[in-house]
């Protein structure tokens, strides 16, 4: 009789360990999914940043060329005021395009990453809560069933 009581107790402990392991696996899967989603977002941001740098280099080269022209024109300012004005306008337009590109990209990724992180965190919280609720209910049902 004493052995039966001991076996029943070990069996309940084994069931609790299995339930805890299942909840742990579920939490790990949710955690891994959250991290994978974040890695994908970081990868996308990295690709976009590379494209931004490439476009900036393409836009920066004409801006530097125009600036060099401006410096030469300043030396000849008494000779040709019209050339100086045109060169300044080109530089301003190039800088404005660069600024608009950077601002647009910043806003896009600021919103996208924030929403993705909030959604992933909410999913993680819901998964952990559901897992814990199920575990506690299962343990309570087994406790009531064995009494």
N, C-alpha and C. Protein backbone atom coordinates (compact mmCIF):
# COMPACT_ATOMS: atom_id res chain seq x y z
N UNK A 1 0.83 -1.19 0.00
CA UNK A 1 0.00 0.00 0.00
C UNK A 1 0.87 1.25 0.00
N UNK A 2 1.93 1.23 0.74
CA UNK A 2 2.83 2.37 0.81
C UNK A 2 3.50 2.63 -0.54
N UNK A 3 3.81 1.53 -1.27
CA UNK A 3 4.41 1.68 -2.58
C UNK A 3 3.43 2.31 -3.56
N UNK A 4 2.16 1.95 -3.49
CA UNK A 4 1.16 2.52 -4.39
C UNK A 4 1.02 4.01 -4.18
N UNK A 5 1.02 4.44 -2.95
CA UNK A 5 0.92 5.87 -2.66
C UNK A 5 2.14 6.62 -3.22
N UNK A 6 3.31 6.02 -3.08
CA UNK A 6 4.55 6.63 -3.59
C UNK A 6 4.54 6.71 -5.11
N UNK A 7 4.05 5.64 -5.76
CA UNK A 7 3.99 5.64 -7.23
C UNK A 7 3.01 6.68 -7.73
N UNK A 8 1.89 6.80 -7.08
CA UNK A 8 0.89 7.79 -7.49
C UNK A 8 1.44 9.20 -7.34
N UNK A 9 2.16 9.39 -6.28
CA UNK A 9 2.75 10.72 -6.05
C UNK A 9 3.82 11.03 -7.12
N UNK A 10 4.65 10.05 -7.45
CA UNK A 10 5.66 10.24 -8.49
C UNK A 10 5.00 10.48 -9.84
N UNK A 11 3.90 9.77 -10.07
CA UNK A 11 3.19 9.95 -11.35
C UNK A 11 2.65 11.37 -11.48
N UNK A 12 2.10 11.92 -10.39
CA UNK A 12 1.60 13.31 -10.41
C UNK A 12 2.75 14.29 -10.64
N UNK A 13 3.89 14.01 -10.02
CA UNK A 13 5.05 14.88 -10.20
C UNK A 13 5.54 14.83 -11.65
N UNK A 14 5.54 13.63 -12.23
CA UNK A 14 5.95 13.49 -13.63
C UNK A 14 4.99 14.24 -14.55
N UNK A 15 3.70 14.16 -14.27
CA UNK A 15 2.72 14.89 -15.09
C UNK A 15 2.93 16.39 -14.96
N UNK A 16 3.24 16.87 -13.77
CA UNK A 16 3.50 18.30 -13.57
C UNK A 16 4.75 18.72 -14.34
N UNK A 17 5.79 17.88 -14.30
CA UNK A 17 7.01 18.19 -15.03
C UNK A 17 6.76 18.22 -16.54
N UNK A 18 5.95 17.30 -17.02
CA UNK A 18 5.61 17.29 -18.44
C UNK A 18 4.86 18.57 -18.80
N UNK A 19 3.90 18.96 -17.97
CA UNK A 19 3.15 20.19 -18.23
C UNK A 19 4.05 21.42 -18.21
N UNK A 20 4.94 21.47 -17.24
CA UNK A 20 5.87 22.60 -17.17
C UNK A 20 6.78 22.60 -18.40
N UNK A 21 7.21 21.42 -18.84
CA UNK A 21 8.05 21.34 -20.03
C UNK A 21 7.30 21.81 -21.26
N UNK A 22 6.04 21.44 -21.38
CA UNK A 22 5.23 21.88 -22.53
C UNK A 22 5.09 23.39 -22.53
N UNK A 23 4.80 23.96 -21.38
CA UNK A 23 4.69 25.43 -21.30
C UNK A 23 6.04 26.07 -21.65
N UNK A 24 7.12 25.48 -21.15
CA UNK A 24 8.45 26.01 -21.48
C UNK A 24 8.73 25.96 -22.97
N UNK A 25 8.35 24.88 -23.61
CA UNK A 25 8.56 24.75 -25.06
C UNK A 25 7.72 25.79 -25.79
N UNK A 26 6.48 25.98 -25.37
CA UNK A 26 5.61 26.97 -26.01
C UNK A 26 6.20 28.36 -25.85
N UNK A 27 6.66 28.69 -24.65
CA UNK A 27 7.26 30.01 -24.41
C UNK A 27 8.52 30.17 -25.27
N UNK A 28 9.33 29.12 -25.38
CA UNK A 28 10.54 29.19 -26.20
C UNK A 28 10.19 29.41 -27.67
N UNK A 29 9.16 28.72 -28.16
CA UNK A 29 8.76 28.88 -29.56
C UNK A 29 8.28 30.31 -29.80
N UNK A 30 7.51 30.84 -28.89
CA UNK A 30 7.04 32.23 -29.03
C UNK A 30 8.23 33.18 -28.99
N UNK A 31 9.15 32.94 -28.08
CA UNK A 31 10.35 33.78 -27.97
C UNK A 31 11.17 33.69 -29.27
N UNK A 32 11.34 32.50 -29.79
CA UNK A 32 12.11 32.32 -31.03
C UNK A 32 11.42 33.03 -32.19
N UNK A 33 10.09 32.92 -32.28
CA UNK A 33 9.36 33.60 -33.34
C UNK A 33 9.53 35.11 -33.23
N UNK A 34 9.47 35.62 -32.02
CA UNK A 34 9.67 37.06 -31.80
C UNK A 34 11.06 37.49 -32.28
N UNK A 35 12.07 36.72 -31.93
CA UNK A 35 13.44 37.06 -32.34
C UNK A 35 13.63 36.94 -33.84
N UNK A 36 13.03 35.93 -34.46
CA UNK A 36 13.13 35.77 -35.91
C UNK A 36 12.48 36.96 -36.60
N UNK A 37 11.31 37.37 -36.11
CA UNK A 37 10.64 38.53 -36.70
C UNK A 37 11.51 39.78 -36.57
N UNK A 38 12.14 39.96 -35.44
CA UNK A 38 13.02 41.12 -35.25
C UNK A 38 14.24 41.03 -36.16
N UNK A 39 14.80 39.85 -36.33
CA UNK A 39 15.95 39.71 -37.22
C UNK A 39 15.58 40.02 -38.66
N UNK A 40 14.38 39.63 -39.06
CA UNK A 40 13.91 39.94 -40.41
C UNK A 40 13.78 41.45 -40.57
N UNK A 41 13.23 42.13 -39.58
CA UNK A 41 13.09 43.58 -39.64
C UNK A 41 14.46 44.26 -39.67
N UNK A 42 15.40 43.74 -38.89
CA UNK A 42 16.75 44.32 -38.89
C UNK A 42 17.40 44.11 -40.25
N UNK A 43 17.19 42.96 -40.84
CA UNK A 43 17.73 42.67 -42.18
C UNK A 43 17.15 43.64 -43.20
N UNK A 44 15.84 43.86 -43.14
CA UNK A 44 15.20 44.81 -44.07
C UNK A 44 15.75 46.21 -43.87
N UNK A 45 15.92 46.59 -42.62
CA UNK A 45 16.47 47.92 -42.34
C UNK A 45 17.89 48.03 -42.87
N UNK A 46 18.66 46.95 -42.74
CA UNK A 46 20.04 46.94 -43.24
C UNK A 46 20.07 47.10 -44.76
N UNK A 47 19.18 46.42 -45.45
CA UNK A 47 19.11 46.52 -46.91
C UNK A 47 18.72 47.94 -47.30
N UNK A 48 17.73 48.49 -46.62
CA UNK A 48 17.30 49.85 -46.92
C UNK A 48 18.40 50.85 -46.64
N UNK A 49 19.16 50.63 -45.58
CA UNK A 49 20.26 51.53 -45.25
C UNK A 49 21.34 51.46 -46.33
N UNK A 50 21.64 50.27 -46.82
CA UNK A 50 22.61 50.14 -47.91
C UNK A 50 22.15 50.91 -49.15
N UNK A 51 20.85 50.77 -49.47
CA UNK A 51 20.31 51.49 -50.62
C UNK A 51 20.38 52.99 -50.39
N UNK A 52 20.09 53.42 -49.18
CA UNK A 52 20.16 54.85 -48.86
C UNK A 52 21.59 55.36 -49.03
N UNK A 53 22.55 54.60 -48.54
CA UNK A 53 23.95 55.02 -48.67
C UNK A 53 24.34 55.09 -50.15
N UNK A 54 23.90 54.12 -50.92
CA UNK A 54 24.22 54.13 -52.35
C UNK A 54 23.60 55.36 -53.03
N UNK A 55 22.32 55.62 -52.73
CA UNK A 55 21.66 56.79 -53.32
C UNK A 55 22.31 58.08 -52.83
N UNK A 56 22.69 58.11 -51.55
CA UNK A 56 23.33 59.30 -51.01
C UNK A 56 24.66 59.55 -51.70
N UNK A 57 25.42 58.48 -51.93
CA UNK A 57 26.69 58.64 -52.65
C UNK A 57 26.45 59.17 -54.06
N UNK A 58 25.40 58.63 -54.71
CA UNK A 58 25.09 59.09 -56.06
C UNK A 58 24.67 60.56 -56.05
N UNK A 59 23.90 60.94 -55.04
CA UNK A 59 23.46 62.34 -54.94
C UNK A 59 24.56 63.25 -54.42
N UNK A 60 25.42 62.72 -53.59
CA UNK A 60 26.47 63.52 -52.98
C UNK A 60 27.54 63.90 -54.00
N UNK A 61 27.85 62.99 -54.90
CA UNK A 61 28.87 63.28 -55.90
C UNK A 61 28.48 64.49 -56.75
N UNK A 62 27.27 64.56 -57.29
CA UNK A 62 26.90 65.77 -58.03
C UNK A 62 26.91 67.02 -57.14
N UNK A 63 26.53 66.85 -55.88
CA UNK A 63 26.53 68.00 -54.97
C UNK A 63 27.95 68.50 -54.75
N UNK A 64 28.90 67.59 -54.57
CA UNK A 64 30.29 68.00 -54.39
C UNK A 64 30.86 68.62 -55.66
N UNK A 65 30.48 68.06 -56.78
CA UNK A 65 30.92 68.63 -58.05
C UNK A 65 30.38 70.04 -58.22
N UNK A 66 29.10 70.21 -57.90
CA UNK A 66 28.49 71.53 -57.98
C UNK A 66 29.15 72.50 -57.00
N UNK A 67 29.47 72.01 -55.81
CA UNK A 67 30.13 72.86 -54.82
C UNK A 67 31.51 73.30 -55.30
N UNK A 68 32.23 72.39 -55.93
CA UNK A 68 33.54 72.75 -56.50
C UNK A 68 33.37 73.85 -57.54
N UNK A 69 32.33 73.71 -58.35
CA UNK A 69 32.03 74.74 -59.35
C UNK A 69 31.69 76.07 -58.70
N UNK A 70 30.98 75.99 -57.57
CA UNK A 70 30.62 77.22 -56.86
C UNK A 70 31.87 77.93 -56.36
N UNK A 71 32.79 77.16 -55.81
CA UNK A 71 34.03 77.77 -55.31
C UNK A 71 34.82 78.44 -56.44
N UNK A 72 34.84 77.81 -57.59
CA UNK A 72 35.51 78.42 -58.73
C UNK A 72 34.77 79.69 -59.17
N UNK A 73 33.44 79.63 -59.14
CA UNK A 73 32.64 80.78 -59.55
C UNK A 73 32.78 81.95 -58.59
N UNK A 74 32.97 81.65 -57.29
CA UNK A 74 33.13 82.74 -56.32
C UNK A 74 34.39 83.54 -56.66
N UNK A 75 35.43 82.85 -57.09
CA UNK A 75 36.66 83.55 -57.51
C UNK A 75 36.41 84.45 -58.72
N UNK A 76 35.42 84.07 -59.54
CA UNK A 76 35.10 84.85 -60.74
C UNK A 76 33.80 85.63 -60.56
N UNK A 77 33.38 85.86 -59.32
CA UNK A 77 32.07 86.46 -59.04
C UNK A 77 31.89 87.81 -59.74
N UNK A 78 32.93 88.59 -59.82
CA UNK A 78 32.80 89.88 -60.49
C UNK A 78 32.59 89.72 -61.98
N UNK A 79 33.02 88.59 -62.51
CA UNK A 79 32.92 88.34 -63.94
C UNK A 79 31.55 87.76 -64.32
N UNK A 80 31.03 86.80 -63.49
CA UNK A 80 29.83 86.10 -63.95
C UNK A 80 28.92 85.76 -62.77
N UNK A 81 28.07 86.66 -62.37
CA UNK A 81 27.13 86.46 -61.26
C UNK A 81 26.06 85.41 -61.62
N UNK A 82 25.66 85.34 -62.84
CA UNK A 82 24.62 84.38 -63.26
C UNK A 82 25.07 82.94 -63.06
N UNK A 83 26.32 82.61 -63.33
CA UNK A 83 26.83 81.24 -63.15
C UNK A 83 26.81 80.86 -61.68
N UNK A 84 27.19 81.79 -60.83
CA UNK A 84 27.19 81.54 -59.39
C UNK A 84 25.78 81.24 -58.89
N UNK A 85 24.79 82.01 -59.33
CA UNK A 85 23.41 81.81 -58.88
C UNK A 85 22.89 80.44 -59.33
N UNK A 86 23.15 80.06 -60.56
CA UNK A 86 22.68 78.77 -61.07
C UNK A 86 23.31 77.61 -60.29
N UNK A 87 24.60 77.70 -59.99
CA UNK A 87 25.29 76.63 -59.25
C UNK A 87 24.73 76.50 -57.84
N UNK A 88 24.45 77.60 -57.19
CA UNK A 88 23.86 77.55 -55.85
C UNK A 88 22.50 76.88 -55.86
N UNK A 89 21.71 77.15 -56.87
CA UNK A 89 20.39 76.54 -57.00
C UNK A 89 20.50 75.02 -57.16
N UNK A 90 21.46 74.55 -57.94
CA UNK A 90 21.65 73.11 -58.13
C UNK A 90 22.04 72.42 -56.83
N UNK A 91 22.93 73.05 -56.08
CA UNK A 91 23.34 72.47 -54.80
C UNK A 91 22.16 72.40 -53.85
N UNK A 92 21.37 73.46 -53.80
CA UNK A 92 20.22 73.48 -52.89
C UNK A 92 19.22 72.38 -53.25
N UNK A 93 18.97 72.18 -54.53
CA UNK A 93 18.03 71.14 -54.96
C UNK A 93 18.58 69.74 -54.62
N UNK A 94 19.87 69.55 -54.81
CA UNK A 94 20.48 68.25 -54.50
C UNK A 94 20.41 67.96 -53.00
N UNK A 95 20.73 68.95 -52.19
CA UNK A 95 20.67 68.78 -50.74
C UNK A 95 19.23 68.54 -50.29
N UNK A 96 18.29 69.21 -50.90
CA UNK A 96 16.88 69.00 -50.55
C UNK A 96 16.44 67.58 -50.88
N UNK A 97 16.87 67.05 -52.02
CA UNK A 97 16.54 65.66 -52.37
C UNK A 97 17.13 64.68 -51.36
N UNK A 98 18.37 64.92 -50.95
CA UNK A 98 19.01 64.05 -49.96
C UNK A 98 18.25 64.13 -48.63
N UNK A 99 17.92 65.32 -48.22
CA UNK A 99 17.19 65.50 -46.96
C UNK A 99 15.83 64.81 -47.00
N UNK A 100 15.11 64.95 -48.10
CA UNK A 100 13.79 64.31 -48.23
C UNK A 100 13.92 62.79 -48.21
N UNK A 101 14.94 62.27 -48.85
CA UNK A 101 15.15 60.82 -48.86
C UNK A 101 15.43 60.31 -47.45
N UNK A 102 16.31 60.97 -46.74
CA UNK A 102 16.66 60.55 -45.38
C UNK A 102 15.45 60.66 -44.46
N UNK A 103 14.72 61.76 -44.52
CA UNK A 103 13.53 61.93 -43.66
C UNK A 103 12.47 60.88 -43.96
N UNK A 104 12.22 60.62 -45.23
CA UNK A 104 11.22 59.61 -45.60
C UNK A 104 11.60 58.23 -45.11
N UNK A 105 12.84 57.86 -45.29
CA UNK A 105 13.30 56.54 -44.84
C UNK A 105 13.24 56.44 -43.33
N UNK A 106 13.64 57.48 -42.63
CA UNK A 106 13.59 57.47 -41.16
C UNK A 106 12.16 57.28 -40.67
N UNK A 107 11.21 58.01 -41.20
CA UNK A 107 9.82 57.89 -40.77
C UNK A 107 9.26 56.51 -41.07
N UNK A 108 9.58 55.99 -42.25
CA UNK A 108 9.07 54.68 -42.65
C UNK A 108 9.55 53.59 -41.68
N UNK A 109 10.82 53.55 -41.39
CA UNK A 109 11.34 52.50 -40.52
C UNK A 109 11.02 52.74 -39.06
N UNK A 110 10.89 54.00 -38.66
CA UNK A 110 10.51 54.28 -37.27
C UNK A 110 9.12 53.71 -37.00
N UNK A 111 8.18 53.94 -37.92
CA UNK A 111 6.83 53.43 -37.73
C UNK A 111 6.78 51.91 -37.88
N UNK A 112 7.44 51.39 -38.91
CA UNK A 112 7.39 49.95 -39.18
C UNK A 112 7.98 49.11 -38.06
N UNK A 113 9.15 49.49 -37.57
CA UNK A 113 9.80 48.72 -36.50
C UNK A 113 9.03 48.83 -35.19
N UNK A 114 8.49 50.02 -34.91
CA UNK A 114 7.72 50.20 -33.68
C UNK A 114 6.49 49.33 -33.67
N UNK A 115 5.76 49.29 -34.81
CA UNK A 115 4.55 48.48 -34.88
C UNK A 115 4.87 46.99 -34.79
N UNK A 116 5.93 46.58 -35.46
CA UNK A 116 6.30 45.16 -35.42
C UNK A 116 6.69 44.74 -34.02
N UNK A 117 7.45 45.56 -33.33
CA UNK A 117 7.87 45.22 -31.96
C UNK A 117 6.67 45.16 -31.02
N UNK A 118 5.74 46.13 -31.14
CA UNK A 118 4.56 46.11 -30.27
C UNK A 118 3.71 44.88 -30.54
N UNK A 119 3.54 44.51 -31.80
CA UNK A 119 2.74 43.34 -32.13
C UNK A 119 3.40 42.07 -31.60
N UNK A 120 4.70 41.95 -31.74
CA UNK A 120 5.40 40.76 -31.26
C UNK A 120 5.35 40.66 -29.74
N UNK A 121 5.49 41.76 -29.05
CA UNK A 121 5.44 41.74 -27.59
C UNK A 121 4.04 41.37 -27.13
N UNK A 122 3.02 41.93 -27.78
CA UNK A 122 1.64 41.59 -27.41
C UNK A 122 1.38 40.09 -27.63
N UNK A 123 1.89 39.55 -28.73
CA UNK A 123 1.74 38.12 -29.00
C UNK A 123 2.45 37.27 -27.97
N UNK A 124 3.63 37.69 -27.58
CA UNK A 124 4.39 36.97 -26.57
C UNK A 124 3.65 36.97 -25.24
N UNK A 125 3.13 38.11 -24.84
CA UNK A 125 2.39 38.20 -23.58
C UNK A 125 1.15 37.30 -23.61
N UNK A 126 0.42 37.35 -24.72
CA UNK A 126 -0.79 36.54 -24.84
C UNK A 126 -0.45 35.05 -24.79
N UNK A 127 0.63 34.66 -25.44
CA UNK A 127 1.02 33.24 -25.45
C UNK A 127 1.42 32.75 -24.07
N UNK A 128 2.19 33.56 -23.36
CA UNK A 128 2.60 33.18 -22.01
C UNK A 128 1.39 33.10 -21.09
N UNK A 129 0.49 34.07 -21.19
CA UNK A 129 -0.70 34.07 -20.35
C UNK A 129 -1.57 32.83 -20.64
N UNK A 130 -1.76 32.53 -21.92
CA UNK A 130 -2.57 31.37 -22.28
C UNK A 130 -1.92 30.08 -21.78
N UNK A 131 -0.60 29.99 -21.92
CA UNK A 131 0.10 28.79 -21.45
C UNK A 131 -0.01 28.61 -19.95
N UNK A 132 0.17 29.69 -19.21
CA UNK A 132 0.08 29.61 -17.76
C UNK A 132 -1.35 29.27 -17.32
N UNK A 133 -2.34 29.87 -17.97
CA UNK A 133 -3.73 29.59 -17.62
C UNK A 133 -4.05 28.11 -17.85
N UNK A 134 -3.60 27.59 -18.97
CA UNK A 134 -3.84 26.18 -19.29
C UNK A 134 -3.13 25.27 -18.29
N UNK A 135 -1.91 25.59 -17.95
CA UNK A 135 -1.16 24.80 -16.98
C UNK A 135 -1.85 24.79 -15.62
N UNK A 136 -2.22 25.96 -15.15
CA UNK A 136 -2.87 26.04 -13.84
C UNK A 136 -4.21 25.31 -13.85
N UNK A 137 -4.98 25.44 -14.91
CA UNK A 137 -6.26 24.75 -15.00
C UNK A 137 -6.04 23.24 -15.01
N UNK A 138 -5.06 22.78 -15.78
CA UNK A 138 -4.78 21.35 -15.87
C UNK A 138 -4.34 20.81 -14.51
N UNK A 139 -3.46 21.54 -13.83
CA UNK A 139 -3.02 21.10 -12.51
C UNK A 139 -4.18 21.07 -11.53
N UNK A 140 -5.04 22.05 -11.58
CA UNK A 140 -6.20 22.13 -10.69
C UNK A 140 -7.16 20.97 -10.98
N UNK A 141 -7.41 20.70 -12.28
CA UNK A 141 -8.30 19.59 -12.65
C UNK A 141 -7.74 18.25 -12.17
N UNK A 142 -6.46 18.08 -12.30
CA UNK A 142 -5.84 16.82 -11.86
C UNK A 142 -5.88 16.70 -10.34
N UNK A 143 -5.69 17.83 -9.70
CA UNK A 143 -5.73 17.82 -8.22
C UNK A 143 -7.14 17.46 -7.76
N UNK A 144 -8.14 18.03 -8.40
CA UNK A 144 -9.53 17.74 -8.02
C UNK A 144 -9.89 16.29 -8.38
N UNK A 145 -9.35 15.79 -9.50
CA UNK A 145 -9.64 14.43 -9.92
C UNK A 145 -9.00 13.39 -9.02
N UNK A 146 -7.85 13.70 -8.43
CA UNK A 146 -7.17 12.73 -7.59
C UNK A 146 -7.68 12.75 -6.14
N UNK A 147 -8.39 13.82 -5.79
CA UNK A 147 -8.89 13.91 -4.41
C UNK A 147 -10.09 13.04 -4.18
